[in-house]
Amino acid sequence: MFRGDDGAGVLAARRLKTLVGDRAEVIEAELAGLEVLDFMAAASAVILIDAAKSGRPAGTIHRLDASAGPISADLFPHSTHVLNAADAIELGRTLEVLPPRVIVYGLEVGDTRAGNDLSPTVAWAVDQVVERVVHELEGLSCTSGS
């Protein structure tokens, strides 16, 4: 949370917790690596939000369907975690513990130096991703029969 734009995923999770109530479990995994696999193990659907750094402008939103196949590690080349999002998902696929539906939102970040606040551009992108995830959750609940 205190590394500038790198806190985008955690901030999105905190906002989602207040919006989705008990319709979905929201987990803040600030420094998760392999633990991501444990979080996903019993789920039927997962939406993962993480900081991305592919060289696109800060605030760019990437939406990837990891259920359909591997996602590009180029979006998540550097990580403050043991594994980046792409590596964790592919390990889950290899171990056959990946849920049937996995959507990844990558928020393109700019400044990730310690002690800096979230940039206005990435803060706007967080708001957009939160809206999109709430919309996706509504679609998932309609298709799951609950």
Protein backbone atom coordinates (compact mmCIF):
# COMPACT_ATOMS: atom_id res chain seq x y z
CA MET A 1 0.00 0.00 0.00
CA PHE A 2 2.90 2.36 0.57
CA ARG A 3 4.66 1.88 -2.75
CA GLY A 4 2.81 4.43 -4.85
CA ASP A 5 0.84 2.90 -7.71
CA ASP A 6 1.80 -0.65 -6.64
CA GLY A 7 -0.99 -0.45 -4.04
CA ALA A 8 -3.68 -0.30 -6.74
CA GLY A 9 -4.82 -3.92 -6.31
CA VAL A 10 -5.11 -3.70 -2.52
CA LEU A 11 -7.00 -0.41 -2.78
CA ALA A 12 -9.40 -1.99 -5.30
CA ALA A 13 -9.97 -4.94 -2.93
CA ARG A 14 -10.74 -2.62 -0.02
CA ARG A 15 -13.30 -0.74 -2.08
CA LEU A 16 -14.84 -3.97 -3.34
CA LYS A 17 -15.28 -5.25 0.23
CA THR A 18 -17.59 -2.36 0.98
CA LEU A 19 -19.54 -2.75 -2.27
CA VAL A 20 -20.10 -6.51 -2.60
CA GLY A 21 -20.95 -7.42 0.98
CA ASP A 22 -21.50 -11.16 1.28
CA ARG A 23 -22.06 -11.70 -2.47
CA ALA A 24 -18.37 -12.55 -2.88
CA GLU A 25 -15.35 -13.14 -0.72
CA VAL A 26 -12.80 -10.37 -1.17
CA ILE A 27 -9.26 -11.20 -0.08
CA GLU A 28 -6.49 -8.64 0.28
CA ALA A 29 -3.30 -10.44 -0.62
CA GLU A 30 -0.80 -7.64 -0.32
CA LEU A 31 2.34 -9.78 -0.44
CA ALA A 32 0.91 -13.08 -1.63
CA GLY A 33 2.94 -15.37 -3.80
CA LEU A 34 2.21 -19.07 -3.57
CA GLU A 35 -0.61 -18.28 -1.13
CA VAL A 36 -2.67 -17.12 -4.13
CA LEU A 37 -3.09 -20.79 -5.05
CA ASP A 38 -4.52 -21.54 -1.60
CA PHE A 39 -6.93 -18.59 -1.92
CA MET A 40 -8.14 -19.88 -5.30
CA ALA A 41 -8.31 -23.59 -4.44
CA ALA A 42 -11.98 -23.93 -3.47
CA ALA A 43 -13.36 -21.15 -5.66
CA SER A 44 -15.50 -21.67 -8.74
CA ALA A 45 -14.52 -18.23 -10.05
CA VAL A 46 -11.72 -15.80 -9.24
CA ILE A 47 -11.14 -12.21 -10.22
CA LEU A 48 -7.57 -11.19 -9.48
CA ILE A 49 -6.47 -7.54 -9.53
CA ASP A 50 -2.78 -6.66 -9.59
CA ALA A 51 -0.40 -3.93 -10.63
CA ALA A 52 0.96 -4.38 -14.16
CA LYS A 53 4.01 -2.89 -15.81
CA SER A 54 4.16 -3.55 -19.53
CA GLY A 55 5.26 -0.14 -20.75
CA ARG A 56 1.75 1.08 -21.59
CA PRO A 57 0.65 4.40 -20.06
CA ALA A 58 -0.11 4.43 -16.34
CA GLY A 59 -3.82 3.88 -15.77
CA THR A 60 -4.22 1.45 -18.69
CA ILE A 61 -6.53 -1.39 -17.68
CA HIS A 62 -5.82 -4.90 -18.95
CA ARG A 63 -8.53 -7.57 -18.66
CA LEU A 64 -7.39 -11.13 -19.29
CA ASP A 65 -9.33 -14.37 -19.21
CA ALA A 66 -6.85 -16.85 -17.74
CA SER A 67 -9.50 -19.57 -18.03
CA ALA A 68 -9.06 -19.51 -21.79
CA GLY A 69 -5.30 -20.05 -21.67
CA PRO A 70 -2.00 -18.66 -20.42
CA ILE A 71 -1.71 -14.94 -19.82
CA SER A 72 1.31 -12.93 -20.82
CA ALA A 73 3.99 -12.69 -18.18
CA ASP A 74 5.07 -9.49 -19.94
CA LEU A 75 2.30 -7.62 -18.10
CA PHE A 76 3.63 -8.64 -14.70
CA PRO A 77 7.40 -8.85 -15.16
CA HIS A 78 8.37 -7.35 -11.82
CA SER A 79 6.76 -8.24 -8.57
CA THR A 80 7.08 -7.45 -4.90
CA HIS A 81 5.74 -10.98 -4.35
CA VAL A 82 7.52 -14.32 -4.62
CA LEU A 83 5.56 -15.03 -7.82
CA ASN A 84 3.85 -12.55 -10.09
CA ALA A 85 0.19 -13.02 -11.06
CA ALA A 86 0.95 -14.79 -14.34
CA ASP A 87 3.39 -17.22 -12.70
CA ALA A 88 0.96 -18.06 -9.89
CA ILE A 89 -1.86 -18.72 -12.36
CA GLU A 90 0.28 -20.89 -14.59
CA LEU A 91 1.55 -22.87 -11.60
CA GLY A 92 -2.09 -23.38 -10.59
CA ARG A 93 -2.88 -24.57 -14.12
CA THR A 94 0.05 -27.01 -14.03
CA LEU A 95 -0.98 -28.35 -10.61
CA GLU A 96 -4.61 -28.56 -11.79
CA VAL A 97 -5.89 -26.38 -8.95
CA LEU A 98 -6.97 -23.44 -11.09
CA PRO A 99 -10.68 -22.60 -10.72
CA PRO A 100 -12.84 -23.00 -13.83
CA ARG A 101 -13.12 -19.21 -14.25
CA VAL A 102 -10.16 -16.87 -13.66
CA ILE A 103 -10.24 -13.24 -14.76
CA VAL A 104 -7.20 -11.02 -14.23
CA TYR A 105 -7.28 -7.25 -14.18
CA GLY A 106 -3.87 -5.65 -14.55
CA LEU A 107 -3.67 -1.98 -13.65
CA GLU A 108 -0.78 -0.35 -15.45
CA VAL A 109 1.29 1.52 -12.87
CA GLY A 110 3.74 4.37 -13.00
CA ASP A 111 5.61 5.38 -9.86
CA THR A 112 6.08 2.51 -7.40
CA ARG A 113 8.67 4.08 -5.11
CA ALA A 114 8.18 3.52 -1.42
CA GLY A 115 6.42 6.32 0.42
CA ASN A 116 4.59 7.77 -2.59
CA ASP A 117 0.82 8.06 -2.89
CA LEU A 118 -1.26 6.53 -5.64
CA SER A 119 -1.11 8.73 -8.75
CA PRO A 120 -4.36 10.39 -9.90
CA THR A 121 -4.31 8.43 -13.17
CA VAL A 122 -4.03 5.07 -11.43
CA ALA A 123 -6.60 6.13 -8.79
CA TRP A 124 -9.05 6.75 -11.67
CA ALA A 125 -8.21 3.32 -13.11
CA VAL A 126 -8.88 1.70 -9.71
CA ASP A 127 -12.36 3.25 -9.72
CA GLN A 128 -12.97 1.91 -13.23
CA VAL A 129 -11.80 -1.61 -12.34
CA VAL A 130 -13.95 -1.67 -9.21
CA GLU A 131 -17.00 -0.79 -11.34
CA ARG A 132 -16.12 -3.47 -13.89
CA VAL A 133 -15.59 -6.13 -11.22
CA VAL A 134 -18.92 -5.33 -9.56
CA HIS A 135 -20.56 -5.70 -12.96
CA GLU A 136 -18.76 -9.03 -13.59
CA LEU A 137 -19.81 -10.32 -10.17
CA GLU A 138 -23.42 -9.56 -11.02
CA GLY A 139 -23.01 -11.63 -14.21
CA LEU A 140 -21.37 -14.48 -12.33
CA SER A 141 -24.14 -14.65 -9.75
CA CYS A 142 -26.73 -14.79 -12.54
CA THR A 143 -24.96 -17.70 -14.25
CA SER A 144 -24.19 -19.64 -11.06
CA GLY A 145 -27.82 -20.01 -10.04
CA SER A 146 -27.36 -18.32 -6.67
